[in-house]
Amino acid sequence: AREWDRQAPLLIHCYAGVSRSTASAYIIAHALRQDPDPIALASDLRFRSPTATPNAKLIAIGDVLLGMDGAMSSAIAEIGRGAYCFEGEPFVFPVDPEHDTMW
């Protein structure tokens, strides 16, 4: 993700679009934003995807890789499980908070 040129959208997906892809999107946004606030970012994820239930193991790995000392896992736990669904709806999760786009 750090090598993404942002010339086009970055598509992140998994089988249902609820757990692994939402965890990946959260981790990537966290890695690419300047001084991200884990709780604000998790709240934004919930706002954009009511069904998002980010995979806790992936978030824990992101916590370690990004040196967040559990802050990302705590923030995701705070937003709780998303609404039950068979599969999630596609959504945009901006990397740059100044622009509501992915690129």
PDB file of N, CA and C in Angstrom:
ATOM      1  N   ALA A   1       0.826  -1.201   0.000  1.00  0.00           N
ATOM      2  CA  ALA A   1       0.000   0.000   0.000  1.00  0.00           C
ATOM      3  C   ALA A   1       0.864   1.256   0.000  1.00  0.00           C
ATOM      4  N   ARG A   2       2.014   1.214   0.640  1.00  0.00           N
ATOM      5  CA  ARG A   2       2.873   2.396   0.672  1.00  0.00           C
ATOM      6  C   ARG A   2       3.454   2.711  -0.701  1.00  0.00           C
ATOM      7  N   GLU A   3       3.435   1.760  -1.604  1.00  0.00           N
ATOM      8  CA  GLU A   3       3.927   1.978  -2.967  1.00  0.00           C
ATOM      9  C   GLU A   3       2.812   2.385  -3.937  1.00  0.00           C
ATOM     10  N   TRP A   4       1.572   2.455  -3.464  1.00  0.00           N
ATOM     11  CA  TRP A   4       0.424   2.839  -4.285  1.00  0.00           C
ATOM     12  C   TRP A   4       0.612   4.284  -4.742  1.00  0.00           C
ATOM     13  N   ASP A   5       0.506   4.521  -6.037  1.00  0.00           N
ATOM     14  CA  ASP A   5       0.738   5.863  -6.585  1.00  0.00           C
ATOM     15  C   ASP A   5      -0.477   6.790  -6.477  1.00  0.00           C
ATOM     16  N   ARG A   6      -1.594   6.291  -6.057  1.00  0.00           N
ATOM     17  CA  ARG A   6      -2.840   7.049  -5.854  1.00  0.00           C
ATOM     18  C   ARG A   6      -3.376   7.680  -7.132  1.00  0.00           C
ATOM     19  N   GLN A   7      -2.981   7.139  -8.262  1.00  0.00           N
ATOM     20  CA  GLN A   7      -3.484   7.621  -9.551  1.00  0.00           C
ATOM     21  C   GLN A   7      -4.841   7.004  -9.882  1.00  0.00           C
ATOM     22  N   ALA A   8      -5.195   5.939  -9.200  1.00  0.00           N
ATOM     23  CA  ALA A   8      -6.470   5.256  -9.383  1.00  0.00           C
ATOM     24  C   ALA A   8      -6.873   4.688  -8.025  1.00  0.00           C
ATOM     25  N   PRO A   9      -8.142   4.327  -7.869  1.00  0.00           N
ATOM     26  CA  PRO A   9      -8.574   3.761  -6.584  1.00  0.00           C
ATOM     27  C   PRO A   9      -7.813   2.475  -6.251  1.00  0.00           C
ATOM     28  N   LEU A  10      -7.666   2.212  -4.982  1.00  0.00           N
ATOM     29  CA  LEU A  10      -7.106   0.965  -4.494  1.00  0.00           C
ATOM     30  C   LEU A  10      -8.286   0.106  -4.065  1.00  0.00           C
ATOM     31  N   LEU A  11      -8.502  -0.985  -4.763  1.00  0.00           N
ATOM     32  CA  LEU A  11      -9.619  -1.878  -4.452  1.00  0.00           C
ATOM     33  C   LEU A  11      -9.164  -2.907  -3.435  1.00  0.00           C
ATOM     34  N   ILE A  12      -9.884  -2.983  -2.344  1.00  0.00           N
ATOM     35  CA  ILE A  12      -9.602  -3.965  -1.292  1.00  0.00           C
ATOM     36  C   ILE A  12     -10.861  -4.809  -1.153  1.00  0.00           C
ATOM     37  N   HIS A  13     -10.700  -6.114  -1.253  1.00  0.00           N
ATOM     38  CA  HIS A  13     -11.877  -6.970  -1.138  1.00  0.00           C
ATOM     39  C   HIS A  13     -11.526  -8.310  -0.530  1.00  0.00           C
ATOM     40  N   CYS A  14     -12.534  -8.974   0.003  1.00  0.00           N
ATOM     41  CA  CYS A  14     -12.419 -10.347   0.479  1.00  0.00           C
ATOM     42  C   CYS A  14     -13.716 -11.044   0.056  1.00  0.00           C
ATOM     43  N   TYR A  15     -13.959 -12.203   0.548  1.00  0.00           N
ATOM     44  CA  TYR A  15     -15.122 -12.969   0.101  1.00  0.00           C
ATOM     45  C   TYR A  15     -16.441 -12.233   0.340  1.00  0.00           C
ATOM     46  N   ALA A  16     -16.653 -11.735   1.547  1.00  0.00           N
ATOM     47  CA  ALA A  16     -17.927 -11.085   1.867  1.00  0.00           C
ATOM     48  C   ALA A  16     -17.816  -9.569   2.037  1.00  0.00           C
ATOM     49  N   GLY A  17     -16.626  -9.038   2.134  1.00  0.00           N
ATOM     50  CA  GLY A  17     -16.471  -7.595   2.298  1.00  0.00           C
ATOM     51  C   GLY A  17     -16.871  -7.094   3.664  1.00  0.00           C
ATOM     52  N   VAL A  18     -16.689  -7.912   4.684  1.00  0.00           N
ATOM     53  CA  VAL A  18     -17.114  -7.545   6.031  1.00  0.00           C
ATOM     54  C   VAL A  18     -15.959  -7.549   7.027  1.00  0.00           C
ATOM     55  N   SER A  19     -15.114  -8.540   6.966  1.00  0.00           N
ATOM     56  CA  SER A  19     -14.115  -8.730   8.010  1.00  0.00           C
ATOM     57  C   SER A  19     -12.674  -8.474   7.550  1.00  0.00           C
ATOM     58  N   ARG A  20     -12.181  -9.293   6.650  1.00  0.00           N
ATOM     59  CA  ARG A  20     -10.777  -9.160   6.229  1.00  0.00           C
ATOM     60  C   ARG A  20     -10.535  -7.900   5.423  1.00  0.00           C
ATOM     61  N   SER A  21     -11.433  -7.569   4.527  1.00  0.00           N
ATOM     62  CA  SER A  21     -11.219  -6.369   3.707  1.00  0.00           C
ATOM     63  C   SER A  21     -11.373  -5.094   4.524  1.00  0.00           C
ATOM     64  N   THR A  22     -12.306  -5.070   5.458  1.00  0.00           N
ATOM     65  CA  THR A  22     -12.462  -3.865   6.271  1.00  0.00           C
ATOM     66  C   THR A  22     -11.279  -3.703   7.226  1.00  0.00           C
ATOM     67  N   ALA A  23     -10.744  -4.810   7.730  1.00  0.00           N
ATOM     68  CA  ALA A  23      -9.530  -4.735   8.551  1.00  0.00           C
ATOM     69  C   ALA A  23      -8.371  -4.219   7.713  1.00  0.00           C
ATOM     70  N   SER A  24      -8.233  -4.732   6.510  1.00  0.00           N
ATOM     71  CA  SER A  24      -7.153  -4.296   5.625  1.00  0.00           C
ATOM     72  C   SER A  24      -7.282  -2.821   5.284  1.00  0.00           C
ATOM     73  N   ALA A  25      -8.484  -2.355   4.992  1.00  0.00           N
ATOM     74  CA  ALA A  25      -8.702  -0.946   4.673  1.00  0.00           C
ATOM     75  C   ALA A  25      -8.338  -0.067   5.867  1.00  0.00           C
ATOM     76  N   TYR A  26      -8.722  -0.487   7.056  1.00  0.00           N
ATOM     77  CA  TYR A  26      -8.405   0.275   8.277  1.00  0.00           C
ATOM     78  C   TYR A  26      -6.894   0.341   8.484  1.00  0.00           C
ATOM     79  N   ILE A  27      -6.216  -0.777   8.335  1.00  0.00           N
ATOM     80  CA  ILE A  27      -4.766  -0.819   8.514  1.00  0.00           C
ATOM     81  C   ILE A  27      -4.068   0.059   7.475  1.00  0.00           C
ATOM     82  N   ILE A  28      -4.482  -0.065   6.218  1.00  0.00           N
ATOM     83  CA  ILE A  28      -3.861   0.721   5.147  1.00  0.00           C
ATOM     84  C   ILE A  28      -4.092   2.212   5.366  1.00  0.00           C
ATOM     85  N   ALA A  29      -5.321   2.598   5.686  1.00  0.00           N
ATOM     86  CA  ALA A  29      -5.599   4.017   5.938  1.00  0.00           C
ATOM     87  C   ALA A  29      -4.759   4.515   7.108  1.00  0.00           C
ATOM     88  N   HIS A  30      -4.625   3.679   8.132  1.00  0.00           N
ATOM     89  CA  HIS A  30      -3.822   4.049   9.290  1.00  0.00           C
ATOM     90  C   HIS A  30      -2.362   4.242   8.896  1.00  0.00           C
ATOM     91  N   ALA A  31      -1.859   3.362   8.048  1.00  0.00           N
ATOM     92  CA  ALA A  31      -0.459   3.423   7.631  1.00  0.00           C
ATOM     93  C   ALA A  31      -0.169   4.632   6.742  1.00  0.00           C
ATOM     94  N   LEU A  32      -1.146   5.052   5.947  1.00  0.00           N
ATOM     95  CA  LEU A  32      -0.903   6.103   4.965  1.00  0.00           C
ATOM     96  C   LEU A  32      -1.279   7.510   5.424  1.00  0.00           C
ATOM     97  N   ARG A  33      -2.109   7.625   6.439  1.00  0.00           N
ATOM     98  CA  ARG A  33      -2.503   8.952   6.920  1.00  0.00           C
ATOM     99  C   ARG A  33      -1.414   9.557   7.800  1.00  0.00           C
ATOM    100  N   GLN A  34      -1.353  10.862   7.809  1.00  0.00           N
ATOM    101  CA  GLN A  34      -0.456  11.580   8.707  1.00  0.00           C
ATOM    102  C   GLN A  34      -1.107  11.635  10.087  1.00  0.00           C
ATOM    103  N   ASP A  35      -0.422  11.189  11.106  1.00  0.00           N
ATOM    104  CA  ASP A  35      -0.901  11.231  12.489  1.00  0.00           C
ATOM    105  C   ASP A  35      -2.354  10.758  12.645  1.00  0.00           C
ATOM    106  N   PRO A  36      -2.646   9.518  12.285  1.00  0.00           N
ATOM    107  CA  PRO A  36      -4.022   9.040  12.384  1.00  0.00           C
ATOM    108  C   PRO A  36      -4.472   8.869  13.840  1.00  0.00           C
ATOM    109  N   ASP A  37      -5.720   9.146  14.083  1.00  0.00           N
ATOM    110  CA  ASP A  37      -6.345   8.923  15.384  1.00  0.00           C
ATOM    111  C   ASP A  37      -7.099   7.603  15.274  1.00  0.00           C
ATOM    112  N   PRO A  38      -6.667   6.545  15.963  1.00  0.00           N
ATOM    113  CA  PRO A  38      -7.290   5.232  15.813  1.00  0.00           C
ATOM    114  C   PRO A  38      -8.797   5.226  16.069  1.00  0.00           C
ATOM    115  N   ILE A  39      -9.248   5.965  17.078  1.00  0.00           N
ATOM    116  CA  ILE A  39     -10.678   5.976  17.404  1.00  0.00           C
ATOM    117  C   ILE A  39     -11.470   6.723  16.336  1.00  0.00           C
ATOM    118  N   ALA A  40     -10.976   7.885  15.899  1.00  0.00           N
ATOM    119  CA  ALA A  40     -11.667   8.641  14.850  1.00  0.00           C
ATOM    120  C   ALA A  40     -11.713   7.840  13.553  1.00  0.00           C
ATOM    121  N   LEU A  41     -10.637   7.149  13.241  1.00  0.00           N
ATOM    122  CA  LEU A  41     -10.586   6.347  12.021  1.00  0.00           C
ATOM    123  C   LEU A  41     -11.556   5.174  12.110  1.00  0.00           C
ATOM    124  N   ALA A  42     -11.627   4.523  13.272  1.00  0.00           N
ATOM    125  CA  ALA A  42     -12.571   3.409  13.465  1.00  0.00           C
ATOM    126  C   ALA A  42     -14.013   3.916  13.384  1.00  0.00           C
ATOM    127  N   SER A  43     -14.274   5.071  13.967  1.00  0.00           N
ATOM    128  CA  SER A  43     -15.625   5.654  13.904  1.00  0.00           C
ATOM    129  C   SER A  43     -16.005   5.997  12.473  1.00  0.00           C
ATOM    130  N   ASP A  44     -15.046   6.498  11.708  1.00  0.00           N
ATOM    131  CA  ASP A  44     -15.290   6.811  10.299  1.00  0.00           C
ATOM    132  C   ASP A  44     -15.584   5.528   9.518  1.00  0.00           C
ATOM    133  N   LEU A  45     -14.846   4.468   9.831  1.00  0.00           N
ATOM    134  CA  LEU A  45     -15.104   3.172   9.181  1.00  0.00           C
ATOM    135  C   LEU A  45     -16.529   2.707   9.464  1.00  0.00           C
ATOM    136  N   ARG A  46     -16.951   2.809  10.729  1.00  0.00           N
ATOM    137  CA  ARG A  46     -18.322   2.388  11.091  1.00  0.00           C
ATOM    138  C   ARG A  46     -19.353   3.245  10.360  1.00  0.00           C
ATOM    139  N   PHE A  47     -19.120   4.555  10.278  1.00  0.00           N
ATOM    140  CA  PHE A  47     -20.039   5.445   9.585  1.00  0.00           C
ATOM    141  C   PHE A  47     -20.185   5.040   8.118  1.00  0.00           C
ATOM    142  N   ARG A  48     -19.077   4.713   7.480  1.00  0.00           N
ATOM    143  CA  ARG A  48     -19.086   4.390   6.058  1.00  0.00           C
ATOM    144  C   ARG A  48     -19.567   2.974   5.764  1.00  0.00           C
ATOM    145  N   SER A  49     -19.439   2.088   6.739  1.00  0.00           N
ATOM    146  CA  SER A  49     -19.885   0.711   6.552  1.00  0.00           C
ATOM    147  C   SER A  49     -20.516   0.179   7.836  1.00  0.00           C
ATOM    148  N   PRO A  50     -21.833   0.250   7.936  1.00  0.00           N
ATOM    149  CA  PRO A  50     -22.512  -0.240   9.137  1.00  0.00           C
ATOM    150  C   PRO A  50     -22.303  -1.737   9.373  1.00  0.00           C
ATOM    151  N   THR A  51     -21.914  -2.476   8.345  1.00  0.00           N
ATOM    152  CA  THR A  51     -21.716  -3.921   8.481  1.00  0.00           C
ATOM    153  C   THR A  51     -20.267  -4.310   8.778  1.00  0.00           C
ATOM    154  N   ALA A  52     -19.351  -3.362   8.699  1.00  0.00           N
ATOM    155  CA  ALA A  52     -17.929  -3.678   8.894  1.00  0.00           C
ATOM    156  C   ALA A  52     -17.691  -4.310  10.262  1.00  0.00           C
ATOM    157  N   THR A  53     -17.015  -5.444  10.252  1.00  0.00           N
ATOM    158  CA  THR A  53     -16.587  -6.130  11.464  1.00  0.00           C
ATOM    159  C   THR A  53     -15.137  -6.536  11.230  1.00  0.00           C
ATOM    160  N   PRO A  54     -14.208  -5.574  11.332  1.00  0.00           N
ATOM    161  CA  PRO A  54     -12.818  -5.859  10.999  1.00  0.00           C
ATOM    162  C   PRO A  54     -12.249  -7.054  11.767  1.00  0.00           C
ATOM    163  N   ASN A  55     -11.559  -7.912  11.049  1.00  0.00           N
ATOM    164  CA  ASN A  55     -10.957  -9.114  11.601  1.00  0.00           C
ATOM    165  C   ASN A  55      -9.960  -8.740  12.701  1.00  0.00           C
ATOM    166  N   ALA A  56     -10.232  -9.202  13.913  1.00  0.00           N
ATOM    167  CA  ALA A  56      -9.429  -8.830  15.081  1.00  0.00           C
ATOM    168  C   ALA A  56      -7.972  -9.269  14.956  1.00  0.00           C
ATOM    169  N   LYS A  57      -7.717 -10.417  14.372  1.00  0.00           N
ATOM    170  CA  LYS A  57      -6.334 -10.896  14.226  1.00  0.00           C
ATOM    171  C   LYS A  57      -5.556  -9.996  13.268  1.00  0.00           C
ATOM    172  N   LEU A  58      -6.180  -9.618  12.150  1.00  0.00           N
ATOM    173  CA  LEU A  58      -5.503  -8.714  11.217  1.00  0.00           C
ATOM    174  C   LEU A  58      -5.239  -7.356  11.869  1.00  0.00           C
ATOM    175  N   ILE A  59      -6.194  -6.857  12.626  1.00  0.00           N
ATOM    176  CA  ILE A  59      -6.004  -5.571  13.303  1.00  0.00           C
ATOM    177  C   ILE A  59      -4.857  -5.681  14.304  1.00  0.00           C
ATOM    178  N   ALA A  60      -4.778  -6.790  15.028  1.00  0.00           N
ATOM    179  CA  ALA A  60      -3.691  -6.987  15.992  1.00  0.00           C
ATOM    180  C   ALA A  60      -2.333  -7.008  15.278  1.00  0.00           C
ATOM    181  N   ILE A  61      -2.276  -7.633  14.113  1.00  0.00           N
ATOM    182  CA  ILE A  61      -1.038  -7.648  13.328  1.00  0.00           C
ATOM    183  C   ILE A  61      -0.690  -6.221  12.895  1.00  0.00           C
ATOM    184  N   GLY A  62      -1.689  -5.468  12.429  1.00  0.00           N
ATOM    185  CA  GLY A  62      -1.471  -4.070  12.056  1.00  0.00           C
ATOM    186  C   GLY A  62      -0.968  -3.244  13.225  1.00  0.00           C
ATOM    187  N   ASP A  63      -1.527  -3.494  14.408  1.00  0.00           N
ATOM    188  CA  ASP A  63      -1.081  -2.813  15.624  1.00  0.00           C
ATOM    189  C   ASP A  63       0.420  -2.999  15.837  1.00  0.00           C
ATOM    190  N   VAL A  64       0.881  -4.227  15.671  1.00  0.00           N
ATOM    191  CA  VAL A  64       2.300  -4.527  15.864  1.00  0.00           C
ATOM    192  C   VAL A  64       3.138  -3.893  14.760  1.00  0.00           C
ATOM    193  N   LEU A  65       2.730  -4.103  13.500  1.00  0.00           N
ATOM    194  CA  LEU A  65       3.512  -3.593  12.374  1.00  0.00           C
ATOM    195  C   LEU A  65       3.630  -2.075  12.370  1.00  0.00           C
ATOM    196  N   LEU A  66       2.586  -1.397  12.834  1.00  0.00           N
ATOM    197  CA  LEU A  66       2.586   0.066  12.827  1.00  0.00           C
ATOM    198  C   LEU A  66       3.000   0.664  14.180  1.00  0.00           C
ATOM    199  N   GLY A  67       3.362  -0.212  15.120  1.00  0.00           N
ATOM    200  CA  GLY A  67       3.829   0.264  16.421  1.00  0.00           C
ATOM    201  C   GLY A  67       2.779   0.994  17.224  1.00  0.00           C
ATOM    202  N   MET A  68       1.531   0.550  17.149  1.00  0.00           N
ATOM    203  CA  MET A  68       0.440   1.268  17.811  1.00  0.00           C
ATOM    204  C   MET A  68       0.112   0.747  19.216  1.00  0.00           C
ATOM    205  N   ASP A  69       0.813  -0.274  19.659  1.00  0.00           N
ATOM    206  CA  ASP A  69       0.699  -0.750  21.044  1.00  0.00           C
ATOM    207  C   ASP A  69      -0.750  -1.040  21.467  1.00  0.00           C
ATOM    208  N   GLY A  70      -1.529  -1.637  20.572  1.00  0.00           N
ATOM    209  CA  GLY A  70      -2.897  -2.028  20.905  1.00  0.00           C
ATOM    210  C   GLY A  70      -3.955  -0.973  20.669  1.00  0.00           C
ATOM    211  N   ALA A  71      -3.564   0.234  20.280  1.00  0.00           N
ATOM    212  CA  ALA A  71      -4.538   1.324  20.104  1.00  0.00           C
ATOM    213  C   ALA A  71      -5.532   1.025  18.978  1.00  0.00           C
ATOM    214  N   MET A  72      -5.057   0.397  17.913  1.00  0.00           N
ATOM    215  CA  MET A  72      -5.958   0.076  16.802  1.00  0.00           C
ATOM    216  C   MET A  72      -6.964  -0.986  17.235  1.00  0.00           C
ATOM    217  N   SER A  73      -6.498  -2.013  17.925  1.00  0.00           N
ATOM    218  CA  SER A  73      -7.396  -3.076  18.397  1.00  0.00           C
ATOM    219  C   SER A  73      -8.440  -2.518  19.357  1.00  0.00           C
ATOM    220  N   SER A  74      -8.021  -1.632  20.252  1.00  0.00           N
ATOM    221  CA  SER A  74      -8.956  -1.013  21.197  1.00  0.00           C
ATOM    222  C   SER A  74     -10.009  -0.185  20.472  1.00  0.00           C
ATOM    223  N   ALA A  75      -9.582   0.562  19.460  1.00  0.00           N
ATOM    224  CA  ALA A  75     -10.513   1.405  18.703  1.00  0.00           C
ATOM    225  C   ALA A  75     -11.536   0.559  17.957  1.00  0.00           C
ATOM    226  N   ILE A  76     -11.082  -0.527  17.352  1.00  0.00           N
ATOM    227  CA  ILE A  76     -12.004  -1.406  16.626  1.00  0.00           C
ATOM    228  C   ILE A  76     -12.953  -2.089  17.606  1.00  0.00           C
ATOM    229  N   ALA A  77     -12.455  -2.488  18.766  1.00  0.00           N
ATOM    230  CA  ALA A  77     -13.328  -3.086  19.779  1.00  0.00           C
ATOM    231  C   ALA A  77     -14.388  -2.092  20.229  1.00  0.00           C
ATOM    232  N   GLU A  78     -14.016  -0.819  20.295  1.00  0.00           N
ATOM    233  CA  GLU A  78     -14.945   0.227  20.731  1.00  0.00           C
ATOM    234  C   GLU A  78     -16.131   0.386  19.776  1.00  0.00           C
ATOM    235  N   ILE A  79     -15.902   0.252  18.469  1.00  0.00           N
ATOM    236  CA  ILE A  79     -17.032   0.398  17.532  1.00  0.00           C
ATOM    237  C   ILE A  79     -17.900  -0.851  17.502  1.00  0.00           C
ATOM    238  N   GLY A  80     -17.387  -1.967  18.002  1.00  0.00           N
ATOM    239  CA  GLY A  80     -18.180  -3.193  18.092  1.00  0.00           C
ATOM    240  C   GLY A  80     -18.440  -3.859  16.755  1.00  0.00           C
ATOM    241  N   ARG A  81     -19.147  -4.948  16.844  1.00  0.00           N
ATOM    242  CA  ARG A  81     -19.498  -5.733  15.665  1.00  0.00           C
ATOM    243  C   ARG A  81     -20.471  -4.946  14.803  1.00  0.00           C
ATOM    244  N   GLY A  82     -20.298  -5.059  13.492  1.00  0.00           N
ATOM    245  CA  GLY A  82     -21.209  -4.402  12.562  1.00  0.00           C
ATOM    246  C   GLY A  82     -22.545  -5.123  12.485  1.00  0.00           C
ATOM    247  N   ALA A  83     -23.466  -4.528  11.770  1.00  0.00           N
ATOM    248  CA  ALA A  83     -24.785  -5.119  11.573  1.00  0.00           C
ATOM    249  C   ALA A  83     -24.652  -6.449  10.837  1.00  0.00           C
ATOM    250  N   TYR A  84     -25.474  -7.399  11.217  1.00  0.00           N
ATOM    251  CA  TYR A  84     -25.443  -8.715  10.581  1.00  0.00           C
ATOM    252  C   TYR A  84     -25.806  -8.584   9.102  1.00  0.00           C
ATOM    253  N   CYS A  85     -25.068  -9.302   8.272  1.00  0.00           N
ATOM    254  CA  CYS A  85     -25.366  -9.319   6.845  1.00  0.00           C
ATOM    255  C   CYS A  85     -24.722 -10.556   6.222  1.00  0.00           C
ATOM    256  N   PHE A  86     -25.163 -10.912   5.039  1.00  0.00           N
ATOM    257  CA  PHE A  86     -24.540 -12.003   4.293  1.00  0.00           C
ATOM    258  C   PHE A  86     -23.264 -11.512   3.638  1.00  0.00           C
ATOM    259  N   GLU A  87     -23.325 -10.293   3.107  1.00  0.00           N
ATOM    260  CA  GLU A  87     -22.144  -9.662   2.524  1.00  0.00           C
ATOM    261  C   GLU A  87     -22.279  -8.155   2.662  1.00  0.00           C
ATOM    262  N   GLY A  88     -21.140  -7.481   2.738  1.00  0.00           N
ATOM    263  CA  GLY A  88     -21.135  -6.036   2.903  1.00  0.00           C
ATOM    264  C   GLY A  88     -21.375  -5.312   1.593  1.00  0.00           C
ATOM    265  N   GLU A  89     -21.706  -4.049   1.716  1.00  0.00           N
ATOM    266  CA  GLU A  89     -21.861  -3.171   0.557  1.00  0.00           C
ATOM    267  C   GLU A  89     -20.539  -2.467   0.297  1.00  0.00           C
ATOM    268  N   PRO A  90     -20.168  -2.264  -0.961  1.00  0.00           N
ATOM    269  CA  PRO A  90     -18.941  -1.511  -1.250  1.00  0.00           C
ATOM    270  C   PRO A  90     -19.033  -0.096  -0.676  1.00  0.00           C
ATOM    271  N   PHE A  91     -17.891   0.421  -0.230  1.00  0.00           N
ATOM    272  CA  PHE A  91     -17.857   1.774   0.319  1.00  0.00           C
ATOM    273  C   PHE A  91     -16.488   2.380   0.072  1.00  0.00           C
ATOM    274  N   VAL A  92     -16.408   3.689   0.173  1.00  0.00           N
ATOM    275  CA  VAL A  92     -15.150   4.422   0.008  1.00  0.00           C
ATOM    276  C   VAL A  92     -14.647   4.783   1.400  1.00  0.00           C
ATOM    277  N   PHE A  93     -13.366   4.503   1.632  1.00  0.00           N
ATOM    278  CA  PHE A  93     -12.721   4.827   2.895  1.00  0.00           C
ATOM    279  C   PHE A  93     -11.482   5.651   2.562  1.00  0.00           C
ATOM    280  N   PRO A  94     -11.562   6.969   2.627  1.00  0.00           N
ATOM    281  CA  PRO A  94     -10.475   7.829   2.145  1.00  0.00           C
ATOM    282  C   PRO A  94      -9.193   7.723   2.964  1.00  0.00           C
ATOM    283  N   VAL A  95      -8.099   7.757   2.269  1.00  0.00           N
ATOM    284  CA  VAL A  95      -6.787   7.793   2.905  1.00  0.00           C
ATOM    285  C   VAL A  95      -6.477   9.221   3.318  1.00  0.00           C
ATOM    286  N   ASP A  96      -6.850  10.161   2.481  1.00  0.00           N
ATOM    287  CA  ASP A  96      -6.603  11.572   2.745  1.00  0.00           C
ATOM    288  C   ASP A  96      -7.889  12.182   3.305  1.00  0.00           C
ATOM    289  N   PRO A  97      -7.921  12.526   4.582  1.00  0.00           N
ATOM    290  CA  PRO A  97      -9.154  13.056   5.165  1.00  0.00           C
ATOM    291  C   PRO A  97      -9.587  14.389   4.569  1.00  0.00           C
ATOM    292  N   GLU A  98      -8.687  15.061   3.870  1.00  0.00           N
ATOM    293  CA  GLU A  98      -9.026  16.332   3.227  1.00  0.00           C
ATOM    294  C   GLU A  98      -9.879  16.111   1.980  1.00  0.00           C
ATOM    295  N   HIS A  99      -9.826  14.914   1.442  1.00  0.00           N
ATOM    296  CA  HIS A  99     -10.566  14.591   0.218  1.00  0.00           C
ATOM    297  C   HIS A  99     -11.334  13.306   0.437  1.00  0.00           C
ATOM    298  N   ASP A 100     -12.589  13.324   0.114  1.00  0.00           N
ATOM    299  CA  ASP A 100     -13.433  12.163   0.349  1.00  0.00           C
ATOM    300  C   ASP A 100     -13.337  11.171  -0.807  1.00  0.00           C
ATOM    301  N   THR A 101     -12.130  10.851  -1.203  1.00  0.00           N
ATOM    302  CA  THR A 101     -11.899   9.858  -2.243  1.00  0.00           C
ATOM    303  C   THR A 101     -10.723   8.986  -1.829  1.00  0.00           C
ATOM    304  N   MET A 102     -10.508   7.910  -2.544  1.00  0.00           N
ATOM    305  CA  MET A 102      -9.405   7.014  -2.227  1.00  0.00           C
ATOM    306  C   MET A 102      -8.145   7.401  -2.972  1.00  0.00           C
ATOM    307  N   TRP A 103      -8.209   8.383  -3.865  1.00  0.00           N
ATOM    308  CA  TRP A 103      -7.023   8.727  -4.647  1.00  0.00           C
ATOM    309  C   TRP A 103      -6.889  10.220  -4.813  1.00  0.00           C
TER     310      TRP A 103
END
